[in-house]
PDB file of all heavy atoms in Angstrom:
ATOM      1  N   LEU A   1      41.048-104.630   1.172  1.00  0.00           N
ATOM      2  CA  LEU A   1      40.357-104.132   0.004  1.00  0.00           C
ATOM      3  C   LEU A   1      39.666-105.237  -0.711  1.00  0.00           C
ATOM      4  O   LEU A   1      40.255-106.229  -1.085  1.00  0.00           O
ATOM      5  CB  LEU A   1      41.287-103.335  -0.904  1.00  0.00           C
ATOM      6  CG  LEU A   1      42.149-102.289  -0.158  1.00  0.00           C
ATOM      7  CD1 LEU A   1      43.005-101.504  -1.050  1.00  0.00           C
ATOM      8  CD2 LEU A   1      41.206-101.370   0.642  1.00  0.00           C
ATOM      9  N   ALA A   2      38.345-105.047  -1.004  1.00  0.00           N
ATOM     10  CA  ALA A   2      37.466-106.171  -1.407  1.00  0.00           C
ATOM     11  C   ALA A   2      37.613-106.624  -2.851  1.00  0.00           C
ATOM     12  O   ALA A   2      37.608-107.770  -3.100  1.00  0.00           O
ATOM     13  CB  ALA A   2      36.078-105.743  -1.083  1.00  0.00           C
ATOM     14  N   ALA A   3      37.679-105.754  -3.790  1.00  0.00           N
ATOM     15  CA  ALA A   3      37.609-106.138  -5.163  1.00  0.00           C
ATOM     16  C   ALA A   3      39.013-106.075  -5.778  1.00  0.00           C
ATOM     17  O   ALA A   3      39.759-106.965  -5.552  1.00  0.00           O
ATOM     18  CB  ALA A   3      36.664-105.204  -5.951  1.00  0.00           C
ATOM     19  N   SER A   4      39.304-105.121  -6.635  1.00  0.00           N
ATOM     20  CA  SER A   4      40.530-105.107  -7.366  1.00  0.00           C
ATOM     21  C   SER A   4      41.726-105.039  -6.361  1.00  0.00           C
ATOM     22  O   SER A   4      42.792-105.525  -6.673  1.00  0.00           O
ATOM     23  CB  SER A   4      40.612-103.841  -8.305  1.00  0.00           C
ATOM     24  OG  SER A   4      40.508-102.704  -7.571  1.00  0.00           O
ATOM     25  N   VAL A   5      41.568-104.346  -5.234  1.00  0.00           N
ATOM     26  CA  VAL A   5      42.646-104.095  -4.335  1.00  0.00           C
ATOM     27  C   VAL A   5      43.001-105.383  -3.570  1.00  0.00           C
ATOM     28  O   VAL A   5      44.153-105.602  -3.257  1.00  0.00           O
ATOM     29  CB  VAL A   5      42.347-102.973  -3.371  1.00  0.00           C
ATOM     30  CG1 VAL A   5      43.560-102.642  -2.517  1.00  0.00           C
ATOM     31  CG2 VAL A   5      41.887-101.769  -4.169  1.00  0.00           C
ATOM     32  N   THR A   6      41.986-106.226  -3.265  1.00  0.00           N
ATOM     33  CA  THR A   6      42.292-107.434  -2.514  1.00  0.00           C
ATOM     34  C   THR A   6      43.295-108.295  -3.208  1.00  0.00           C
ATOM     35  O   THR A   6      44.088-108.998  -2.604  1.00  0.00           O
ATOM     36  CB  THR A   6      40.951-108.256  -2.318  1.00  0.00           C
ATOM     37  OG1 THR A   6      40.060-107.413  -1.607  1.00  0.00           O
ATOM     38  CG2 THR A   6      41.259-109.483  -1.513  1.00  0.00           C
ATOM     39  N   ALA A   7      43.278-108.250  -4.569  1.00  0.00           N
ATOM     40  CA  ALA A   7      44.147-109.106  -5.294  1.00  0.00           C
ATOM     41  C   ALA A   7      45.641-108.683  -5.245  1.00  0.00           C
ATOM     42  O   ALA A   7      46.487-109.347  -5.754  1.00  0.00           O
ATOM     43  CB  ALA A   7      43.730-109.117  -6.786  1.00  0.00           C
ATOM     44  N   CYS A   8      45.912-107.577  -4.565  1.00  0.00           N
ATOM     45  CA  CYS A   8      47.246-107.049  -4.594  1.00  0.00           C
ATOM     46  C   CYS A   8      48.241-107.944  -3.827  1.00  0.00           C
ATOM     47  O   CYS A   8      49.460-107.890  -4.030  1.00  0.00           O
ATOM     48  CB  CYS A   8      47.283-105.680  -3.985  1.00  0.00           C
ATOM     49  SG  CYS A   8      46.524-104.393  -4.971  1.00  0.00           S
ATOM     50  N   GLY A   9      47.814-108.672  -2.794  1.00  0.00           N
ATOM     51  CA  GLY A   9      48.672-109.545  -2.054  1.00  0.00           C
ATOM     52  C   GLY A   9      49.244-108.831  -0.914  1.00  0.00           C
ATOM     53  O   GLY A   9      48.781-107.820  -0.439  1.00  0.00           O
ATOM     54  N   ASN A  10      50.444-109.319  -0.357  1.00  0.00           N
ATOM     55  CA  ASN A  10      50.961-108.839   0.873  1.00  0.00           C
ATOM     56  C   ASN A  10      52.347-108.315   0.732  1.00  0.00           C
ATOM     57  O   ASN A  10      53.128-108.283   1.677  1.00  0.00           O
ATOM     58  CB  ASN A  10      50.971-110.008   1.893  1.00  0.00           C
ATOM     59  CG  ASN A  10      51.199-109.569   3.305  1.00  0.00           C
ATOM     60  OD1 ASN A  10      50.966-108.436   3.683  1.00  0.00           O
ATOM     61  ND2 ASN A  10      51.691-110.464   4.132  1.00  0.00           N
ATOM     62  N   SER A  11      52.664-107.728  -0.464  1.00  0.00           N
ATOM     63  CA  SER A  11      53.991-107.303  -0.717  1.00  0.00           C
ATOM     64  C   SER A  11      54.388-106.031  -0.023  1.00  0.00           C
ATOM     65  O   SER A  11      55.504-105.620   0.010  1.00  0.00           O
ATOM     66  CB  SER A  11      54.204-107.050  -2.229  1.00  0.00           C
ATOM     67  OG  SER A  11      54.026-108.236  -2.912  1.00  0.00           O
ATOM     68  N   ASN A  12      53.412-105.332   0.608  1.00  0.00           N
ATOM     69  CA  ASN A  12      53.744-104.117   1.313  1.00  0.00           C
ATOM     70  C   ASN A  12      54.338-104.387   2.736  1.00  0.00           C
ATOM     71  O   ASN A  12      54.689-103.437   3.440  1.00  0.00           O
ATOM     72  CB  ASN A  12      52.467-103.213   1.522  1.00  0.00           C
ATOM     73  CG  ASN A  12      52.170-102.497   0.234  1.00  0.00           C
ATOM     74  OD1 ASN A  12      53.053-102.083  -0.473  1.00  0.00           O
ATOM     75  ND2 ASN A  12      50.911-102.315  -0.066  1.00  0.00           N
ATOM     76  N   ALA A  13      54.377-105.580   3.149  1.00  0.00           N
ATOM     77  CA  ALA A  13      54.841-105.941   4.502  1.00  0.00           C
ATOM     78  C   ALA A  13      56.191-105.360   4.672  1.00  0.00           C
ATOM     79  O   ALA A  13      57.159-105.557   3.870  1.00  0.00           O
ATOM     80  CB  ALA A  13      54.872-107.440   4.659  1.00  0.00           C
ATOM     81  N   GLY A  14      56.394-104.638   5.774  1.00  0.00           N
ATOM     82  CA  GLY A  14      57.640-104.076   6.051  1.00  0.00           C
ATOM     83  C   GLY A  14      57.925-102.717   5.449  1.00  0.00           C
ATOM     84  O   GLY A  14      58.961-102.091   5.658  1.00  0.00           O
ATOM     85  N   SER A  15      57.062-102.212   4.575  1.00  0.00           N
ATOM     86  CA  SER A  15      57.252-100.899   3.976  1.00  0.00           C
ATOM     87  C   SER A  15      56.830 -99.817   4.992  1.00  0.00           C
ATOM     88  O   SER A  15      56.404-100.041   6.047  1.00  0.00           O
ATOM     89  CB  SER A  15      56.414-100.797   2.710  1.00  0.00           C
ATOM     90  OG  SER A  15      55.007-100.608   3.076  1.00  0.00           O
ATOM     91  N   VAL A  16      57.122 -98.518   4.565  1.00  0.00           N
ATOM     92  CA  VAL A  16      56.818 -97.403   5.449  1.00  0.00           C
ATOM     93  C   VAL A  16      55.394 -96.921   5.289  1.00  0.00           C
ATOM     94  O   VAL A  16      55.033 -95.949   5.935  1.00  0.00           O
ATOM     95  CB  VAL A  16      57.795 -96.238   5.127  1.00  0.00           C
ATOM     96  CG1 VAL A  16      59.254 -96.664   5.462  1.00  0.00           C
ATOM     97  CG2 VAL A  16      57.732 -95.792   3.692  1.00  0.00           C
ATOM     98  N   TYR A  17      54.650 -97.581   4.411  1.00  0.00           N
ATOM     99  CA  TYR A  17      53.246 -97.158   4.218  1.00  0.00           C
ATOM    100  C   TYR A  17      52.465 -97.217   5.521  1.00  0.00           C
ATOM    101  O   TYR A  17      52.579 -98.193   6.282  1.00  0.00           O
ATOM    102  CB  TYR A  17      52.595 -97.993   3.187  1.00  0.00           C
ATOM    103  CG  TYR A  17      51.134 -97.630   2.975  1.00  0.00           C
ATOM    104  CD1 TYR A  17      50.808 -96.472   2.248  1.00  0.00           C
ATOM    105  CD2 TYR A  17      50.118 -98.405   3.466  1.00  0.00           C
ATOM    106  CE1 TYR A  17      49.487 -96.122   2.014  1.00  0.00           C
ATOM    107  CE2 TYR A  17      48.795 -98.079   3.211  1.00  0.00           C
ATOM    108  CZ  TYR A  17      48.509 -96.917   2.539  1.00  0.00           C
ATOM    109  OH  TYR A  17      47.164 -96.559   2.305  1.00  0.00           O
ATOM    110  N   ASN A  18      51.666 -96.207   5.825  1.00  0.00           N
ATOM    111  CA  ASN A  18      50.861 -96.151   7.054  1.00  0.00           C
ATOM    112  C   ASN A  18      49.425 -96.682   6.734  1.00  0.00           C
ATOM    113  O   ASN A  18      48.619 -95.998   6.173  1.00  0.00           O
ATOM    114  CB  ASN A  18      50.753 -94.702   7.597  1.00  0.00           C
ATOM    115  CG  ASN A  18      50.054 -94.623   8.896  1.00  0.00           C
ATOM    116  OD1 ASN A  18      49.413 -95.577   9.337  1.00  0.00           O
ATOM    117  ND2 ASN A  18      50.086 -93.446   9.520  1.00  0.00           N
ATOM    118  N   TYR A  19      49.239 -97.952   7.034  1.00  0.00           N
ATOM    119  CA  TYR A  19      47.940 -98.606   6.772  1.00  0.00           C
ATOM    120  C   TYR A  19      46.776 -97.950   7.489  1.00  0.00           C
ATOM    121  O   TYR A  19      45.683 -98.008   7.015  1.00  0.00           O
ATOM    122  CB  TYR A  19      48.021-100.062   7.172  1.00  0.00           C
ATOM    123  CG  TYR A  19      48.951-100.859   6.325  1.00  0.00           C
ATOM    124  CD1 TYR A  19      50.343-100.922   6.637  1.00  0.00           C
ATOM    125  CD2 TYR A  19      48.554-101.663   5.268  1.00  0.00           C
ATOM    126  CE1 TYR A  19      51.209-101.703   5.949  1.00  0.00           C
ATOM    127  CE2 TYR A  19      49.416-102.412   4.549  1.00  0.00           C
ATOM    128  CZ  TYR A  19      50.773-102.457   4.841  1.00  0.00           C
ATOM    129  OH  TYR A  19      51.624-103.146   4.120  1.00  0.00           O
ATOM    130  N   SER A  20      47.071 -97.382   8.673  1.00  0.00           N
ATOM    131  CA  SER A  20      45.992 -96.803   9.468  1.00  0.00           C
ATOM    132  C   SER A  20      45.717 -95.367   9.232  1.00  0.00           C
ATOM    133  O   SER A  20      44.818 -94.737   9.770  1.00  0.00           O
ATOM    134  CB  SER A  20      46.312 -97.017  10.985  1.00  0.00           C
ATOM    135  OG  SER A  20      46.277 -98.374  11.279  1.00  0.00           O
ATOM    136  N   ASN A  21      46.481 -94.744   8.261  1.00  0.00           N
ATOM    137  CA  ASN A  21      46.270 -93.340   7.953  1.00  0.00           C
ATOM    138  C   ASN A  21      44.882 -93.125   7.386  1.00  0.00           C
ATOM    139  O   ASN A  21      44.509 -93.790   6.427  1.00  0.00           O
ATOM    140  CB  ASN A  21      47.340 -92.859   7.022  1.00  0.00           C
ATOM    141  CG  ASN A  21      47.251 -91.357   6.797  1.00  0.00           C
ATOM    142  OD1 ASN A  21      47.018 -90.578   7.684  1.00  0.00           O
ATOM    143  ND2 ASN A  21      47.493 -90.919   5.539  1.00  0.00           N
ATOM    144  N   GLY A  22      44.073 -92.222   7.976  1.00  0.00           N
ATOM    145  CA  GLY A  22      42.699 -91.961   7.528  1.00  0.00           C
ATOM    146  C   GLY A  22      41.651 -92.733   8.282  1.00  0.00           C
ATOM    147  O   GLY A  22      40.490 -92.584   7.909  1.00  0.00           O
ATOM    148  N   LEU A  23      42.058 -93.507   9.249  1.00  0.00           N
ATOM    149  CA  LEU A  23      41.142 -94.297  10.039  1.00  0.00           C
ATOM    150  C   LEU A  23      41.152 -93.759  11.521  1.00  0.00           C
ATOM    151  O   LEU A  23      42.223 -93.362  11.981  1.00  0.00           O
ATOM    152  CB  LEU A  23      41.468 -95.788  10.058  1.00  0.00           C
ATOM    153  CG  LEU A  23      41.529 -96.451   8.647  1.00  0.00           C
ATOM    154  CD1 LEU A  23      41.935 -97.922   8.830  1.00  0.00           C
ATOM    155  CD2 LEU A  23      40.199 -96.348   7.959  1.00  0.00           C
ATOM    156  N   ASP A  24      40.034 -93.814  12.176  1.00  0.00           N
ATOM    157  CA  ASP A  24      39.958 -93.398  13.551  1.00  0.00           C
ATOM    158  C   ASP A  24      40.275 -94.539  14.512  1.00  0.00           C
ATOM    159  O   ASP A  24      40.581 -95.686  14.026  1.00  0.00           O
ATOM    160  CB  ASP A  24      38.642 -92.677  13.882  1.00  0.00           C
ATOM    161  CG  ASP A  24      37.455 -93.596  13.875  1.00  0.00           C
ATOM    162  OD1 ASP A  24      37.664 -94.863  13.862  1.00  0.00           O
ATOM    163  OD2 ASP A  24      36.300 -93.085  13.775  1.00  0.00           O
ATOM    164  N   GLU A  25      40.106 -94.332  15.754  1.00  0.00           N
ATOM    165  CA  GLU A  25      40.512 -95.327  16.774  1.00  0.00           C
ATOM    166  C   GLU A  25      39.640 -96.567  16.664  1.00  0.00           C
ATOM    167  O   GLU A  25      40.005 -97.686  17.154  1.00  0.00           O
ATOM    168  CB  GLU A  25      40.481 -94.736  18.169  1.00  0.00           C
ATOM    169  CG  GLU A  25      39.070 -94.271  18.593  1.00  0.00           C
ATOM    170  CD  GLU A  25      39.049 -93.699  19.955  1.00  0.00           C
ATOM    171  OE1 GLU A  25      40.133 -93.490  20.552  1.00  0.00           O
ATOM    172  OE2 GLU A  25      37.984 -93.424  20.446  1.00  0.00           O
ATOM    173  N   ASN A  26      38.455 -96.471  16.074  1.00  0.00           N
ATOM    174  CA  ASN A  26      37.591 -97.633  15.894  1.00  0.00           C
ATOM    175  C   ASN A  26      37.776 -98.349  14.571  1.00  0.00           C
ATOM    176  O   ASN A  26      37.151 -99.379  14.356  1.00  0.00           O
ATOM    177  CB  ASN A  26      36.106 -97.210  16.065  1.00  0.00           C
ATOM    178  CG  ASN A  26      35.737 -96.827  17.405  1.00  0.00           C
ATOM    179  OD1 ASN A  26      36.093 -97.475  18.392  1.00  0.00           O
ATOM    180  ND2 ASN A  26      35.014 -95.715  17.568  1.00  0.00           N
ATOM    181  N   GLY A  27      38.710 -97.844  13.764  1.00  0.00           N
ATOM    182  CA  GLY A  27      38.836 -98.431  12.444  1.00  0.00           C
ATOM    183  C   GLY A  27      37.880 -97.897  11.438  1.00  0.00           C
ATOM    184  O   GLY A  27      37.756 -98.424  10.302  1.00  0.00           O
ATOM    185  N   PHE A  28      37.140 -96.817  11.814  1.00  0.00           N
ATOM    186  CA  PHE A  28      36.204 -96.145  10.884  1.00  0.00           C
ATOM    187  C   PHE A  28      36.915 -95.042  10.112  1.00  0.00           C
ATOM    188  O   PHE A  28      37.991 -94.569  10.563  1.00  0.00           O
ATOM    189  CB  PHE A  28      35.023 -95.536  11.671  1.00  0.00           C
ATOM    190  CG  PHE A  28      34.136 -96.526  12.387  1.00  0.00           C
ATOM    191  CD1 PHE A  28      33.290 -96.076  13.349  1.00  0.00           C
ATOM    192  CD2 PHE A  28      34.246 -97.886  12.146  1.00  0.00           C
ATOM    193  CE1 PHE A  28      32.470 -96.919  14.088  1.00  0.00           C
ATOM    194  CE2 PHE A  28      33.413 -98.765  12.853  1.00  0.00           C
ATOM    195  CZ  PHE A  28      32.528 -98.342  13.811  1.00  0.00           C
ATOM    196  N   PHE A  29      36.372 -94.655   8.984  1.00  0.00           N
ATOM    197  CA  PHE A  29      36.986 -93.548   8.291  1.00  0.00           C
ATOM    198  C   PHE A  29      36.843 -92.264   9.029  1.00  0.00           C
ATOM    199  O   PHE A  29      35.723 -91.904   9.551  1.00  0.00           O
ATOM    200  CB  PHE A  29      36.329 -93.382   6.832  1.00  0.00           C
ATOM    201  CG  PHE A  29      36.624 -94.555   5.960  1.00  0.00           C
ATOM    202  CD1 PHE A  29      35.609 -95.484   5.620  1.00  0.00           C
ATOM    203  CD2 PHE A  29      37.909 -94.741   5.448  1.00  0.00           C
ATOM    204  CE1 PHE A  29      35.876 -96.540   4.838  1.00  0.00           C
ATOM    205  CE2 PHE A  29      38.129 -95.849   4.620  1.00  0.00           C
ATOM    206  CZ  PHE A  29      37.137 -96.762   4.323  1.00  0.00           C
ATOM    207  N   GLU A  30      37.954 -91.536   9.177  1.00  0.00           N
ATOM    208  CA  GLU A  30      37.975 -90.348   9.967  1.00  0.00           C
ATOM    209  C   GLU A  30      37.024 -89.301   9.492  1.00  0.00           C
ATOM    210  O   GLU A  30      36.917 -88.977   8.325  1.00  0.00           O
ATOM    211  CB  GLU A  30      39.389 -89.727   9.965  1.00  0.00           C
ATOM    212  CG  GLU A  30      40.393 -90.486  10.903  1.00  0.00           C
ATOM    213  CD  GLU A  30      41.761 -89.818  10.865  1.00  0.00           C
ATOM    214  OE1 GLU A  30      42.047 -89.046   9.910  1.00  0.00           O
ATOM    215  OE2 GLU A  30      42.570 -90.090  11.778  1.00  0.00           O
ATOM    216  N   GLY A  31      36.245 -88.690  10.482  1.00  0.00           N
ATOM    217  CA  GLY A  31      35.345 -87.592  10.182  1.00  0.00           C
ATOM    218  C   GLY A  31      34.097 -87.979   9.327  1.00  0.00           C
ATOM    219  O   GLY A  31      33.439 -87.110   8.852  1.00  0.00           O
TER     220      GLY A  31
END
């Protein structure tokens, strides 16, 4: 995430959050 979100850091590492949810096989936004 480029602006405000980029500053969040890497604290989600190891969490159950699905980083790829909403992205297709090419890394594009689904649909």
